[in-house]
């Protein structure tokens, strides 16, 4: 049996939450939080957490909006075009997540704990909002 690495997960909500937990563990493991400055001291772990969080968000967005079925490279604009017509509040969250998780945390490695905490908040809000949109399939 061949495993398709690009196949959607069986439970995208659970998989997205697993990525959020991985991000939390990454920061706890090596972020070296300094309460005096309210900052982490190691960008590597902040970047790692940002990538985990952004991936978790993309998993749940793909499960609801099927953006990953598009041919070619997928951009943030593809997600915006899929989400925007359906839910403007979710679109605002996706835009914030892109800025905070992907750019500020994932690329820049912003060390401020408040930025990271806000990243976790917005990721969880997107997962919660999308989880409510996934149709429940009755057990056979």
C-alpha atoms as a PDB file:
ATOM      1  CA  UNK A   1       0.000   0.000   0.000  1.00  0.00           C
ATOM      2  CA  UNK A   2       1.405   3.372  -1.032  1.00  0.00           C
ATOM      3  CA  UNK A   3       1.074   6.257   1.437  1.00  0.00           C
ATOM      4  CA  UNK A   4       0.183   9.637  -0.041  1.00  0.00           C
ATOM      5  CA  UNK A   5       2.126  12.281   1.909  1.00  0.00           C
ATOM      6  CA  UNK A   6      -0.119  15.010   0.487  1.00  0.00           C
ATOM      7  CA  UNK A   7      -3.376  13.353   1.533  1.00  0.00           C
ATOM      8  CA  UNK A   8      -5.368  15.311   4.117  1.00  0.00           C
ATOM      9  CA  UNK A   9      -5.190  13.970   7.675  1.00  0.00           C
ATOM     10  CA  UNK A  10      -8.077  11.851   8.950  1.00  0.00           C
ATOM     11  CA  UNK A  11      -8.798  14.327  11.738  1.00  0.00           C
ATOM     12  CA  UNK A  12      -7.524  17.781  10.693  1.00  0.00           C
ATOM     13  CA  UNK A  13      -8.609  19.410  13.974  1.00  0.00           C
ATOM     14  CA  UNK A  14      -6.617  16.925  16.025  1.00  0.00           C
ATOM     15  CA  UNK A  15      -3.634  17.247  13.666  1.00  0.00           C
ATOM     16  CA  UNK A  16      -3.738  21.061  13.844  1.00  0.00           C
ATOM     17  CA  UNK A  17      -3.870  20.971  17.635  1.00  0.00           C
ATOM     18  CA  UNK A  18      -0.902  18.567  17.620  1.00  0.00           C
ATOM     19  CA  UNK A  19       1.111  21.205  15.745  1.00  0.00           C
ATOM     20  CA  UNK A  20       0.093  23.839  18.306  1.00  0.00           C
ATOM     21  CA  UNK A  21       1.299  21.529  21.080  1.00  0.00           C
ATOM     22  CA  UNK A  22       4.575  20.948  19.214  1.00  0.00           C
ATOM     23  CA  UNK A  23       5.045  24.720  19.056  1.00  0.00           C
ATOM     24  CA  UNK A  24       4.417  25.019  22.790  1.00  0.00           C
ATOM     25  CA  UNK A  25       6.931  22.247  23.503  1.00  0.00           C
ATOM     26  CA  UNK A  26       9.511  23.847  21.216  1.00  0.00           C
ATOM     27  CA  UNK A  27       9.375  27.146  23.105  1.00  0.00           C
ATOM     28  CA  UNK A  28       9.358  25.424  26.497  1.00  0.00           C
ATOM     29  CA  UNK A  29      12.311  23.249  25.507  1.00  0.00           C
ATOM     30  CA  UNK A  30      14.707  25.861  24.275  1.00  0.00           C
ATOM     31  CA  UNK A  31      13.151  29.302  24.085  1.00  0.00           C
ATOM     32  CA  UNK A  32      14.880  30.333  27.322  1.00  0.00           C
ATOM     33  CA  UNK A  33      12.200  32.717  28.546  1.00  0.00           C
ATOM     34  CA  UNK A  34      13.472  35.634  30.644  1.00  0.00           C
ATOM     35  CA  UNK A  35      10.689  37.027  32.873  1.00  0.00           C
ATOM     36  CA  UNK A  36      12.619  40.262  33.484  1.00  0.00           C
ATOM     37  CA  UNK A  37      12.535  41.247  29.829  1.00  0.00           C
ATOM     38  CA  UNK A  38       9.377  39.248  28.961  1.00  0.00           C
ATOM     39  CA  UNK A  39      11.302  37.845  25.998  1.00  0.00           C
ATOM     40  CA  UNK A  40      12.724  34.570  24.766  1.00  0.00           C
ATOM     41  CA  UNK A  41      16.449  34.505  24.163  1.00  0.00           C
ATOM     42  CA  UNK A  42      16.764  31.926  21.367  1.00  0.00           C
ATOM     43  CA  UNK A  43      15.363  32.820  17.944  1.00  0.00           C
ATOM     44  CA  UNK A  44      15.748  29.259  16.700  1.00  0.00           C
ATOM     45  CA  UNK A  45      12.949  28.021  18.955  1.00  0.00           C
ATOM     46  CA  UNK A  46      10.701  31.010  18.293  1.00  0.00           C
ATOM     47  CA  UNK A  47      11.080  30.410  14.558  1.00  0.00           C
ATOM     48  CA  UNK A  48      10.387  26.722  15.034  1.00  0.00           C
ATOM     49  CA  UNK A  49       7.244  27.501  17.053  1.00  0.00           C
ATOM     50  CA  UNK A  50       6.077  29.966  14.384  1.00  0.00           C
ATOM     51  CA  UNK A  51       6.500  27.360  11.652  1.00  0.00           C
ATOM     52  CA  UNK A  52       4.647  24.737  13.691  1.00  0.00           C
ATOM     53  CA  UNK A  53       1.763  27.131  14.377  1.00  0.00           C
ATOM     54  CA  UNK A  54       1.507  28.277  10.755  1.00  0.00           C
ATOM     55  CA  UNK A  55       1.521  24.670   9.534  1.00  0.00           C
ATOM     56  CA  UNK A  56      -1.268  23.814  11.967  1.00  0.00           C
ATOM     57  CA  UNK A  57      -3.309  26.725  10.616  1.00  0.00           C
ATOM     58  CA  UNK A  58      -2.728  25.638   7.011  1.00  0.00           C
ATOM     59  CA  UNK A  59      -3.802  22.061   7.792  1.00  0.00           C
ATOM     60  CA  UNK A  60      -7.168  23.178   9.132  1.00  0.00           C
ATOM     61  CA  UNK A  61      -7.693  25.760   6.360  1.00  0.00           C
ATOM     62  CA  UNK A  62      -6.977  23.106   3.725  1.00  0.00           C
ATOM     63  CA  UNK A  63      -9.457  20.753   5.377  1.00  0.00           C
ATOM     64  CA  UNK A  64     -12.233  23.344   5.215  1.00  0.00           C
ATOM     65  CA  UNK A  65     -11.460  25.251   2.008  1.00  0.00           C
ATOM     66  CA  UNK A  66      -9.509  22.631  -0.031  1.00  0.00           C
ATOM     67  CA  UNK A  67      -6.909  25.161  -1.129  1.00  0.00           C
ATOM     68  CA  UNK A  68      -4.194  22.491  -1.356  1.00  0.00           C
ATOM     69  CA  UNK A  69      -6.035  20.855  -4.283  1.00  0.00           C
ATOM     70  CA  UNK A  70      -4.982  23.771  -6.503  1.00  0.00           C
ATOM     71  CA  UNK A  71      -2.270  23.041  -9.052  1.00  0.00           C
ATOM     72  CA  UNK A  72       1.091  24.695  -8.560  1.00  0.00           C
ATOM     73  CA  UNK A  73       2.502  26.568  -5.620  1.00  0.00           C
ATOM     74  CA  UNK A  74      -0.066  27.836  -3.133  1.00  0.00           C
ATOM     75  CA  UNK A  75       0.285  31.410  -1.883  1.00  0.00           C
ATOM     76  CA  UNK A  76      -1.311  33.353   0.940  1.00  0.00           C
ATOM     77  CA  UNK A  77      -3.468  35.050  -1.702  1.00  0.00           C
ATOM     78  CA  UNK A  78      -4.997  31.658  -2.572  1.00  0.00           C
ATOM     79  CA  UNK A  79      -6.023  31.245   1.060  1.00  0.00           C
ATOM     80  CA  UNK A  80      -7.360  34.799   1.182  1.00  0.00           C
ATOM     81  CA  UNK A  81      -9.439  34.244  -1.956  1.00  0.00           C
ATOM     82  CA  UNK A  82     -10.866  30.993  -0.553  1.00  0.00           C
ATOM     83  CA  UNK A  83     -11.652  32.320   2.934  1.00  0.00           C
ATOM     84  CA  UNK A  84     -12.720  35.910   2.155  1.00  0.00           C
ATOM     85  CA  UNK A  85     -16.056  35.266   0.439  1.00  0.00           C
ATOM     86  CA  UNK A  86     -17.119  32.782   3.129  1.00  0.00           C
ATOM     87  CA  UNK A  87     -16.107  34.427   6.413  1.00  0.00           C
ATOM     88  CA  UNK A  88     -14.690  37.949   6.738  1.00  0.00           C
ATOM     89  CA  UNK A  89     -13.804  37.495  10.426  1.00  0.00           C
ATOM     90  CA  UNK A  90     -11.876  34.330   9.624  1.00  0.00           C
ATOM     91  CA  UNK A  91     -10.118  36.225   6.837  1.00  0.00           C
ATOM     92  CA  UNK A  92      -8.970  38.842   9.365  1.00  0.00           C
ATOM     93  CA  UNK A  93      -7.644  36.045  11.597  1.00  0.00           C
ATOM     94  CA  UNK A  94      -5.819  34.441   8.654  1.00  0.00           C
ATOM     95  CA  UNK A  95      -4.212  37.771   7.768  1.00  0.00           C
ATOM     96  CA  UNK A  96      -3.101  38.214  11.391  1.00  0.00           C
ATOM     97  CA  UNK A  97      -1.825  34.641  11.532  1.00  0.00           C
ATOM     98  CA  UNK A  98       0.200  35.155   8.366  1.00  0.00           C
ATOM     99  CA  UNK A  99       1.822  38.269   9.797  1.00  0.00           C
ATOM    100  CA  UNK A 100       2.404  36.948  13.314  1.00  0.00           C
ATOM    101  CA  UNK A 101       3.112  33.253  12.780  1.00  0.00           C
ATOM    102  CA  UNK A 102       4.687  33.119   9.362  1.00  0.00           C
ATOM    103  CA  UNK A 103       6.510  36.439   9.152  1.00  0.00           C
ATOM    104  CA  UNK A 104       7.147  37.731  12.702  1.00  0.00           C
ATOM    105  CA  UNK A 105       7.762  34.415  14.425  1.00  0.00           C
ATOM    106  CA  UNK A 106       8.706  32.063  11.572  1.00  0.00           C
ATOM    107  CA  UNK A 107      11.066  34.302   9.622  1.00  0.00           C
ATOM    108  CA  UNK A 108      12.024  37.176  11.896  1.00  0.00           C
ATOM    109  CA  UNK A 109      12.079  35.184  15.132  1.00  0.00           C
ATOM    110  CA  UNK A 110      10.635  38.061  17.163  1.00  0.00           C
ATOM    111  CA  UNK A 111      11.617  37.271  20.752  1.00  0.00           C
ATOM    112  CA  UNK A 112       8.843  39.206  22.542  1.00  0.00           C
ATOM    113  CA  UNK A 113       6.690  36.763  24.522  1.00  0.00           C
ATOM    114  CA  UNK A 114       3.568  38.854  23.924  1.00  0.00           C
ATOM    115  CA  UNK A 115       3.954  38.373  20.166  1.00  0.00           C
ATOM    116  CA  UNK A 116       4.328  34.615  20.668  1.00  0.00           C
ATOM    117  CA  UNK A 117       1.347  34.467  23.032  1.00  0.00           C
ATOM    118  CA  UNK A 118      -0.739  36.353  20.480  1.00  0.00           C
ATOM    119  CA  UNK A 119       0.399  33.869  17.838  1.00  0.00           C
ATOM    120  CA  UNK A 120      -0.880  30.961  19.910  1.00  0.00           C
ATOM    121  CA  UNK A 121      -4.152  32.812  20.495  1.00  0.00           C
ATOM    122  CA  UNK A 122      -4.808  33.524  16.820  1.00  0.00           C
ATOM    123  CA  UNK A 123      -3.848  29.972  15.762  1.00  0.00           C
ATOM    124  CA  UNK A 124      -6.265  28.492  18.295  1.00  0.00           C
ATOM    125  CA  UNK A 125      -9.036  30.878  17.215  1.00  0.00           C
ATOM    126  CA  UNK A 126      -8.633  29.819  13.581  1.00  0.00           C
ATOM    127  CA  UNK A 127      -8.646  26.141  14.519  1.00  0.00           C
ATOM    128  CA  UNK A 128     -11.759  26.592  16.677  1.00  0.00           C
ATOM    129  CA  UNK A 129     -13.593  28.572  13.997  1.00  0.00           C
ATOM    130  CA  UNK A 130     -12.703  26.099  11.241  1.00  0.00           C
ATOM    131  CA  UNK A 131     -13.531  23.096  13.425  1.00  0.00           C
ATOM    132  CA  UNK A 132     -17.102  24.370  13.605  1.00  0.00           C
ATOM    133  CA  UNK A 133     -17.224  24.445   9.777  1.00  0.00           C
ATOM    134  CA  UNK A 134     -16.173  20.821   9.242  1.00  0.00           C
ATOM    135  CA  UNK A 135     -19.250  18.669   8.616  1.00  0.00           C
ATOM    136  CA  UNK A 136     -19.800  15.859  11.107  1.00  0.00           C
ATOM    137  CA  UNK A 137     -20.024  12.485   9.383  1.00  0.00           C
ATOM    138  CA  UNK A 138     -22.268  10.030  11.253  1.00  0.00           C
ATOM    139  CA  UNK A 139     -20.631   6.754  12.296  1.00  0.00           C
ATOM    140  CA  UNK A 140     -21.532   3.783  10.147  1.00  0.00           C
END
